[in-house]
Amino acid sequence: MSSWDTLGLVAFLILVGYVFKLIVDHRMRMKLIDKNMVDENIKHLFTEGSQSQFLSSLKWGMVLIGVGLAAFIGRLIPDDPDRVITFGAMLVLAGLGLLLYYFIINKKFKRDSNS
């Protein structure tokens, strides 16, 4: 199985999981509406604000940049037949992206709480 086949399989599984999540969320909303249990607390659970979407996009953008950069670096190294260095670099750079995201968000929340 080539790396493109594996990547396609992973992408497909992620897509199936996301569609499953959407279906479950929709059914939950419909049950709450049918039982007239809609109040401000429930609305807050299911609203996807632009702020949380922005932060999620930032996180995944940083992770994917790290993985892409590692793949690029791995292609520059000619003597790695098993691509162990590439895989390790992907994990390290994705982790660094998540750590950088954590520090950015932590700084933002501290600034917002002081305001």
N, C-alpha and C. Protein backbone atom coordinates (compact mmCIF):
# COMPACT_ATOMS: atom_id res chain seq x y z
N MET A 1 0.85 -1.17 0.00
CA MET A 1 0.00 0.00 0.00
C MET A 1 0.90 1.24 0.00
N SER A 2 0.68 2.13 -0.94
CA SER A 2 1.52 3.32 -1.04
C SER A 2 1.08 4.36 -0.03
N SER A 3 1.90 5.38 0.12
CA SER A 3 1.58 6.43 1.09
C SER A 3 0.34 7.21 0.66
N TRP A 4 0.10 7.32 -0.66
CA TRP A 4 -1.10 8.02 -1.14
C TRP A 4 -2.36 7.23 -0.81
N ASP A 5 -2.27 5.90 -0.88
CA ASP A 5 -3.41 5.08 -0.49
C ASP A 5 -3.72 5.23 0.99
N THR A 6 -2.68 5.24 1.80
CA THR A 6 -2.85 5.41 3.23
C THR A 6 -3.44 6.78 3.54
N LEU A 7 -2.94 7.81 2.89
CA LEU A 7 -3.44 9.17 3.10
C LEU A 7 -4.91 9.27 2.69
N GLY A 8 -5.26 8.64 1.58
CA GLY A 8 -6.66 8.64 1.14
C GLY A 8 -7.56 7.93 2.12
N LEU A 9 -7.09 6.81 2.66
CA LEU A 9 -7.87 6.06 3.64
C LEU A 9 -8.08 6.89 4.91
N VAL A 10 -7.03 7.54 5.38
CA VAL A 10 -7.15 8.37 6.58
C VAL A 10 -8.11 9.53 6.33
N ALA A 11 -8.00 10.18 5.18
CA ALA A 11 -8.91 11.28 4.85
C ALA A 11 -10.36 10.80 4.79
N PHE A 12 -10.57 9.64 4.21
CA PHE A 12 -11.92 9.08 4.12
C PHE A 12 -12.48 8.79 5.51
N LEU A 13 -11.68 8.21 6.40
CA LEU A 13 -12.14 7.91 7.75
C LEU A 13 -12.46 9.18 8.53
N ILE A 14 -11.66 10.21 8.34
CA ILE A 14 -11.93 11.49 8.99
C ILE A 14 -13.25 12.07 8.48
N LEU A 15 -13.47 11.97 7.18
CA LEU A 15 -14.70 12.47 6.59
C LEU A 15 -15.91 11.72 7.13
N VAL A 16 -15.81 10.40 7.23
CA VAL A 16 -16.92 9.59 7.76
C VAL A 16 -17.20 9.97 9.21
N GLY A 17 -16.16 10.16 10.00
CA GLY A 17 -16.33 10.57 11.39
C GLY A 17 -16.99 11.93 11.52
N TYR A 18 -16.62 12.86 10.66
CA TYR A 18 -17.21 14.20 10.69
C TYR A 18 -18.69 14.15 10.30
N VAL A 19 -19.02 13.39 9.27
CA VAL A 19 -20.42 13.26 8.86
C VAL A 19 -21.23 12.62 9.98
N PHE A 20 -20.69 11.61 10.64
CA PHE A 20 -21.36 10.97 11.77
C PHE A 20 -21.63 11.98 12.88
N LYS A 21 -20.64 12.82 13.18
CA LYS A 21 -20.81 13.85 14.20
C LYS A 21 -21.91 14.83 13.82
N LEU A 22 -21.96 15.24 12.57
CA LEU A 22 -23.00 16.15 12.12
C LEU A 22 -24.38 15.54 12.27
N ILE A 23 -24.51 14.27 11.92
CA ILE A 23 -25.81 13.59 12.03
C ILE A 23 -26.24 13.49 13.49
N VAL A 24 -25.33 13.11 14.37
CA VAL A 24 -25.66 12.97 15.79
C VAL A 24 -26.05 14.33 16.38
N ASP A 25 -25.30 15.39 16.04
CA ASP A 25 -25.64 16.73 16.53
C ASP A 25 -27.00 17.17 16.03
N HIS A 26 -27.32 16.89 14.79
CA HIS A 26 -28.61 17.28 14.23
C HIS A 26 -29.76 16.55 14.95
N ARG A 27 -29.59 15.27 15.17
CA ARG A 27 -30.64 14.51 15.87
C ARG A 27 -30.84 15.03 17.30
N MET A 28 -29.74 15.37 17.95
CA MET A 28 -29.83 15.90 19.31
C MET A 28 -30.57 17.23 19.31
N ARG A 29 -30.28 18.09 18.37
CA ARG A 29 -30.98 19.38 18.27
C ARG A 29 -32.48 19.18 18.04
N MET A 30 -32.81 18.25 17.15
CA MET A 30 -34.22 18.00 16.85
C MET A 30 -34.96 17.47 18.07
N LYS A 31 -34.34 16.58 18.84
CA LYS A 31 -34.98 16.06 20.06
C LYS A 31 -35.18 17.16 21.09
N LEU A 32 -34.19 18.05 21.23
CA LEU A 32 -34.34 19.15 22.17
C LEU A 32 -35.43 20.12 21.74
N ILE A 33 -35.54 20.37 20.45
CA ILE A 33 -36.58 21.25 19.93
C ILE A 33 -37.96 20.61 20.14
N ASP A 34 -38.08 19.32 19.86
CA ASP A 34 -39.36 18.62 20.03
C ASP A 34 -39.84 18.64 21.48
N LYS A 35 -38.92 18.60 22.42
CA LYS A 35 -39.29 18.58 23.83
C LYS A 35 -39.34 19.98 24.44
N ASN A 36 -39.20 21.00 23.60
CA ASN A 36 -39.22 22.41 24.05
C ASN A 36 -38.20 22.66 25.16
N MET A 37 -37.04 22.10 25.02
CA MET A 37 -35.98 22.28 26.00
C MET A 37 -34.92 23.27 25.52
N VAL A 38 -35.30 24.19 24.68
CA VAL A 38 -34.34 25.14 24.13
C VAL A 38 -34.29 26.36 25.03
N ASP A 39 -33.15 26.61 25.64
CA ASP A 39 -32.92 27.84 26.39
C ASP A 39 -31.51 28.34 26.06
N GLU A 40 -31.07 29.35 26.73
CA GLU A 40 -29.78 29.97 26.40
C GLU A 40 -28.61 29.01 26.63
N ASN A 41 -28.68 28.18 27.65
CA ASN A 41 -27.59 27.23 27.93
C ASN A 41 -27.47 26.20 26.80
N ILE A 42 -28.59 25.71 26.33
CA ILE A 42 -28.58 24.72 25.25
C ILE A 42 -28.12 25.37 23.95
N LYS A 43 -28.57 26.58 23.69
CA LYS A 43 -28.15 27.28 22.47
C LYS A 43 -26.64 27.46 22.46
N HIS A 44 -26.07 27.73 23.62
CA HIS A 44 -24.63 27.94 23.71
C HIS A 44 -23.86 26.66 23.36
N LEU A 45 -24.42 25.50 23.69
CA LEU A 45 -23.74 24.24 23.39
C LEU A 45 -23.62 23.98 21.89
N PHE A 46 -24.62 24.42 21.11
CA PHE A 46 -24.65 24.07 19.71
C PHE A 46 -24.29 25.20 18.76
N THR A 47 -24.05 26.37 19.28
CA THR A 47 -23.65 27.46 18.38
C THR A 47 -22.17 27.37 18.12
N GLU A 48 -21.83 27.54 16.90
CA GLU A 48 -20.42 27.55 16.53
C GLU A 48 -20.06 28.97 16.16
N GLY A 49 -19.54 29.69 17.14
CA GLY A 49 -19.21 31.09 16.94
C GLY A 49 -18.02 31.26 16.03
N SER A 50 -17.91 32.44 15.49
CA SER A 50 -16.81 32.71 14.57
C SER A 50 -15.47 32.67 15.30
N GLN A 51 -15.47 33.02 16.61
CA GLN A 51 -14.23 32.99 17.38
C GLN A 51 -13.70 31.57 17.51
N SER A 52 -14.57 30.61 17.85
CA SER A 52 -14.10 29.24 18.01
C SER A 52 -13.70 28.63 16.67
N GLN A 53 -14.40 29.01 15.60
CA GLN A 53 -14.03 28.52 14.27
C GLN A 53 -12.67 29.07 13.87
N PHE A 54 -12.43 30.33 14.18
CA PHE A 54 -11.14 30.95 13.87
C PHE A 54 -10.01 30.25 14.61
N LEU A 55 -10.22 29.97 15.90
CA LEU A 55 -9.19 29.33 16.70
C LEU A 55 -8.94 27.90 16.23
N SER A 56 -9.98 27.19 15.86
CA SER A 56 -9.81 25.84 15.36
C SER A 56 -9.06 25.85 14.03
N SER A 57 -9.37 26.79 13.18
CA SER A 57 -8.67 26.90 11.90
C SER A 57 -7.20 27.23 12.11
N LEU A 58 -6.94 28.09 13.08
CA LEU A 58 -5.55 28.43 13.39
C LEU A 58 -4.78 27.20 13.85
N LYS A 59 -5.39 26.42 14.74
CA LYS A 59 -4.73 25.22 15.26
C LYS A 59 -4.40 24.23 14.15
N TRP A 60 -5.41 23.91 13.33
CA TRP A 60 -5.19 22.91 12.30
C TRP A 60 -4.29 23.44 11.19
N GLY A 61 -4.33 24.73 10.94
CA GLY A 61 -3.41 25.31 9.97
C GLY A 61 -1.97 25.17 10.42
N MET A 62 -1.73 25.41 11.70
CA MET A 62 -0.36 25.30 12.22
C MET A 62 0.11 23.85 12.20
N VAL A 63 -0.77 22.91 12.54
CA VAL A 63 -0.40 21.50 12.52
C VAL A 63 -0.09 21.06 11.08
N LEU A 64 -0.94 21.42 10.14
CA LEU A 64 -0.73 21.00 8.75
C LEU A 64 0.49 21.65 8.13
N ILE A 65 0.80 22.88 8.50
CA ILE A 65 2.03 23.51 8.02
C ILE A 65 3.23 22.74 8.54
N GLY A 66 3.19 22.33 9.80
CA GLY A 66 4.28 21.55 10.36
C GLY A 66 4.45 20.22 9.66
N VAL A 67 3.35 19.53 9.39
CA VAL A 67 3.42 18.23 8.70
C VAL A 67 3.92 18.41 7.27
N GLY A 68 3.43 19.43 6.59
CA GLY A 68 3.88 19.69 5.22
C GLY A 68 5.35 20.06 5.17
N LEU A 69 5.79 20.86 6.12
CA LEU A 69 7.20 21.23 6.18
C LEU A 69 8.07 20.00 6.43
N ALA A 70 7.61 19.11 7.29
CA ALA A 70 8.36 17.87 7.57
C ALA A 70 8.42 16.99 6.32
N ALA A 71 7.33 16.90 5.58
CA ALA A 71 7.33 16.10 4.36
C ALA A 71 8.30 16.69 3.34
N PHE A 72 8.34 18.01 3.27
CA PHE A 72 9.27 18.67 2.35
C PHE A 72 10.72 18.40 2.76
N ILE A 73 10.99 18.52 4.06
CA ILE A 73 12.34 18.24 4.55
C ILE A 73 12.70 16.78 4.31
N GLY A 74 11.76 15.89 4.49
CA GLY A 74 12.01 14.46 4.27
C GLY A 74 12.37 14.16 2.82
N ARG A 75 11.79 14.89 1.88
CA ARG A 75 12.12 14.69 0.47
C ARG A 75 13.53 15.17 0.15
N LEU A 76 14.05 16.10 0.94
CA LEU A 76 15.40 16.62 0.71
C LEU A 76 16.47 15.66 1.21
N ILE A 77 16.12 14.74 2.09
CA ILE A 77 17.08 13.78 2.65
C ILE A 77 17.07 12.53 1.78
N PRO A 78 18.14 12.29 1.02
CA PRO A 78 18.14 11.17 0.07
C PRO A 78 18.34 9.80 0.70
N ASP A 79 19.01 9.70 1.83
CA ASP A 79 19.37 8.39 2.40
C ASP A 79 18.44 7.96 3.52
N ASP A 80 17.15 7.95 3.24
CA ASP A 80 16.17 7.50 4.23
C ASP A 80 15.18 6.57 3.54
N PRO A 81 15.57 5.31 3.34
CA PRO A 81 14.72 4.40 2.57
C PRO A 81 13.37 4.09 3.23
N ASP A 82 13.33 4.06 4.55
CA ASP A 82 12.08 3.74 5.25
C ASP A 82 11.28 4.99 5.62
N ARG A 83 11.82 6.14 5.34
CA ARG A 83 11.17 7.43 5.65
C ARG A 83 10.89 7.58 7.15
N VAL A 84 11.78 7.03 7.97
CA VAL A 84 11.63 7.14 9.41
C VAL A 84 11.85 8.58 9.84
N ILE A 85 12.83 9.23 9.25
CA ILE A 85 13.11 10.62 9.60
C ILE A 85 11.92 11.50 9.24
N THR A 86 11.33 11.25 8.09
CA THR A 86 10.18 12.05 7.66
C THR A 86 9.02 11.88 8.63
N PHE A 87 8.72 10.66 9.01
CA PHE A 87 7.61 10.42 9.93
C PHE A 87 7.89 11.06 11.29
N GLY A 88 9.10 10.90 11.78
CA GLY A 88 9.46 11.51 13.06
C GLY A 88 9.39 13.03 13.00
N ALA A 89 9.86 13.60 11.90
CA ALA A 89 9.80 15.05 11.75
C ALA A 89 8.35 15.54 11.68
N MET A 90 7.48 14.75 11.05
CA MET A 90 6.06 15.13 11.00
C MET A 90 5.48 15.20 12.40
N LEU A 91 5.77 14.21 13.22
CA LEU A 91 5.26 14.21 14.58
C LEU A 91 5.82 15.37 15.40
N VAL A 92 7.11 15.60 15.27
CA VAL A 92 7.75 16.68 16.03
C VAL A 92 7.22 18.04 15.60
N LEU A 93 7.15 18.30 14.31
CA LEU A 93 6.69 19.60 13.84
C LEU A 93 5.19 19.81 14.08
N ALA A 94 4.40 18.76 14.00
CA ALA A 94 2.98 18.88 14.35
C ALA A 94 2.84 19.20 15.84
N GLY A 95 3.63 18.54 16.67
CA GLY A 95 3.63 18.83 18.10
C GLY A 95 4.07 20.24 18.40
N LEU A 96 5.09 20.72 17.69
CA LEU A 96 5.53 22.10 17.88
C LEU A 96 4.43 23.08 17.45
N GLY A 97 3.71 22.74 16.39
CA GLY A 97 2.60 23.59 15.97
C GLY A 97 1.52 23.67 17.04
N LEU A 98 1.22 22.53 17.68
CA LEU A 98 0.23 22.52 18.75
C LEU A 98 0.72 23.29 19.98
N LEU A 99 1.99 23.17 20.30
CA LEU A 99 2.54 23.93 21.43
C LEU A 99 2.51 25.43 21.15
N LEU A 100 2.86 25.82 19.95
CA LEU A 100 2.80 27.23 19.57
C LEU A 100 1.36 27.74 19.65
N TYR A 101 0.43 26.94 19.19
CA TYR A 101 -0.99 27.28 19.28
C TYR A 101 -1.40 27.47 20.74
N TYR A 102 -0.96 26.57 21.61
CA TYR A 102 -1.27 26.67 23.03
C TYR A 102 -0.78 27.99 23.62
N PHE A 103 0.46 28.37 23.31
CA PHE A 103 1.01 29.61 23.85
C PHE A 103 0.27 30.83 23.30
N ILE A 104 -0.12 30.79 22.04
CA ILE A 104 -0.87 31.90 21.46
C ILE A 104 -2.23 32.04 22.15
N ILE A 105 -2.94 30.93 22.32
CA ILE A 105 -4.27 30.95 22.93
C ILE A 105 -4.17 31.33 24.41
N ASN A 106 -3.18 30.81 25.10
CA ASN A 106 -2.99 31.13 26.51
C ASN A 106 -2.75 32.63 26.69
N LYS A 107 -1.93 33.21 25.84
CA LYS A 107 -1.66 34.64 25.90
C LYS A 107 -2.92 35.44 25.59
N LYS A 108 -3.70 34.99 24.62
CA LYS A 108 -4.93 35.69 24.25
C LYS A 108 -5.94 35.66 25.39
N PHE A 109 -6.13 34.49 26.03
CA PHE A 109 -7.08 34.39 27.13
C PHE A 109 -6.65 35.21 28.34
N LYS A 110 -5.35 35.26 28.62
CA LYS A 110 -4.86 36.09 29.72
C LYS A 110 -5.12 37.56 29.43
N ARG A 111 -4.91 37.97 28.19
CA ARG A 111 -5.15 39.36 27.80
C ARG A 111 -6.65 39.69 27.87
N ASP A 112 -7.50 38.74 27.42
CA ASP A 112 -8.95 38.97 27.46
C ASP A 112 -9.48 39.01 28.89
N SER A 113 -8.93 38.19 29.78
CA SER A 113 -9.41 38.16 31.17
C SER A 113 -8.96 39.41 31.93
N ASN A 114 -7.85 40.02 31.53
CA ASN A 114 -7.39 41.25 32.18
C ASN A 114 -8.16 42.47 31.70
N SER A 115 -8.81 42.37 30.55
CA SER A 115 -9.54 43.52 30.00
C SER A 115 -10.86 43.73 30.66
